[in-house]
Amino acid sequence: MQLHTRTALAGAITALALLAAGGAHAQNKAEVIHWWTSGGESAAVQELASAFTKSGGVWVDSAVAGGENARAAAINRIVGGNPPTAAMFNTSQQYLDIIKEGMLNDIDAVAAKEGWDKMLPAPIIGAIKVNGHYYAAPVNIHMPSWFWYSKAAFAKAGITAEPKTPDELFASLDKLKAAGLVPLALGGQGWQEYITFYSWLAQAGGTDLYLKFFKDRDAATINTPAFRKVLTDFKRLHNYVDAGSPGRNWNDATSMVITGKAGVQIMGDWAKGEFANAKQVAGKDFGCFPGFGPKSPYIVAGDVFVFPRTKDPVAIKTQQLLATSMTSATTQVAFNNKKGSIPIRTDVDSSKMDLCAQTGLTIMKDSSRHLANPDMLLPPDVVGAVQDVLSKYWNNNQSVDDVVKALQSAIKG
């Protein structure tokens, strides 16, 4: 998502300064832009709003359906001189341009007081601390490549154990298909196909191959036998989705697993919010595993809130109050229980969290398993180019040779 001209940005900064000088707020009122609109997400964001209210603030909710739409709305508001108090982005490179143009306030005071340097995982610090300053408050750690499955569907298909290797997963998908179920629930949208690919690259291809592609952007790696096998097996997964997949929303795919119509979904742990909203219990009604084997990589992703620039001392205090309330230990447990993600901090009481969350929290204590998500490693325009290539490959009869060449071109940026 590209910003407009430097002239427009400079004008916006001036407008922001004038706006800030227009008078102090009468109260700690915070307009917050986000894209959490599904059932589980709506329940989760209410926990953030409630925590802020208890801290003495007034939460003004501005929900915009769809991440891309919400980010565009936030940037347009910031550039146009009418910024919200806070805006949601993914833990990524999505907000680097507005940091570079001086359009965000830092929240160093909160980070110092709460000890973020010691508390937060390195991949998150790398994404929110720019030129020595913290510009975003992380609210969760999402792992995008969890495998979710219906206990009822597995029982119907005669599957008695979680797949521990890629081959075992394919065998399970075959059994689900033979039982007349949808083996793999997938929403056929570009970002969901992209998650399926990079999850498979990390979990089946391994950490080194993943980093060669996303971090090093090594074109030669894409043409190796190991990477070509990942591409072949990624397309093989297409054999297990149903005809209704194209255009389906992610939460509708999750619903197929919840109701037992489908066996497996590869999706981030925000899906768990939907299971929780349906009153399903991890380990009883559904299962979850974060990859293949006890040392599988744990991709670190998530959501953050940034704070548009203002010089109004009351507005700055409100922003810091938001950041503090969002990241407190109590809020982190309450919010993430409903969101499906895990807290940004490991010093929380995990006894109130479910089986999947406890698994994630345990893994997060082993830094050797942490793996930055692609959006932390690639600029947004390169992410878009790679996603387009993979969607075309997923939805068309295209050779591996062709997709190798297309990815080599896309990764250069």
Foldseek 3Di string as FASTA:
>chain_A
DDDDDLVLQVVLVVLQAVVQVPDFDPFLEFEEEDAQDDPLSVQLVVLLQVLLVVLRYHYHYHHDHDQVVSLVVQSCCSSVSNHTQKYKDKLFCSCVVCVVSVFFDFLQVLCVVVVVVPFFFPLSCLRQQDPNTGFWFFQFWKFWFKKKFFPVLQVLLVNDDDDQAPVSLVVSLVSSVVSVAQAEQAALDLVRLVSLLLSLCQQHLHDVLSCCCQFVVPLVSCPDPSNLVSLVVSLVCLVRGDPPRYRDDPQVSLVCRQVSRYTIYTGMQLSVLSCVSVVHAEPPGMHMDRHHDDLRAGETMGMIMGGTDHPNPSSVVSSNSSSNSSQDQVSSVSSCQSRRGHHSGLPHDCPPHGPVRVVVSVVVVPSVRYDYDSSHRDPPQLVVQLSVLSSCVNVDPDDSVVSSVSSSVSSVD
